[in-house]
């Protein structure tokens, strides 16, 4: 997936699960025996242009320019598309997918970060809040849940950070945020040290994300 300065997006790879936003042909592969330029740039809803992009295993998201919201396609739960109440989650063209809904009062979304089974969204400053959706393990979304997945940001909660975030990232079962003070906070599964806090426990399942020390990354660079 490539974002051009013009805001156009070109996508290539496997369309398994509708990951390319090119419809329901799961056998489609772009770039295996032809250059990606053989396929036109991706059409987004209402002819919108992209501000930023992110890719998971079987889904992708685009933050639209001019406060146009966030559009995601592919695997529905990991991408925050709500299939309930008449919502359409069959693999469809990216140009037909409306922006994702967020909790009332949410400001403009400036970044999306996708992993294999989760996606986190960053709200613009001054609030700079982070909200995540997708499959669990416990703590992966930054708060305790009994469900096996959270399908929509409307059903999720903002991660409990002590100050606004300016960047967010997502990994397998965990997420991290760079805060305004340049502190790094991570949450989710930490069994392999991926949270960077010197612990191998899960954070965010039954305690606040900011209840443990932040990641120490140093300032010698």
Foldseek 3Di string as FASTA:
>chain_A
DDADPVQWAFDFAFCQQHARLAFQPRRDGAPPPDDSVVDDTAQAAPRFGFPDKEGEPFKIKTQTPPLQAMFMAGDQFQGAQDPPPPGDHHNHHNHPTHHADAAPPFARWDDWAGYHFKIKTFGDPPQGWIAMWGAADAWAGQAADPDRTGRHNNPTDTADDPHHFDDKYHYDQKIWTQGPVRWIFMFGQQLPPPRQQPDRHGGRHPDHSPPGDTHPDDDPD
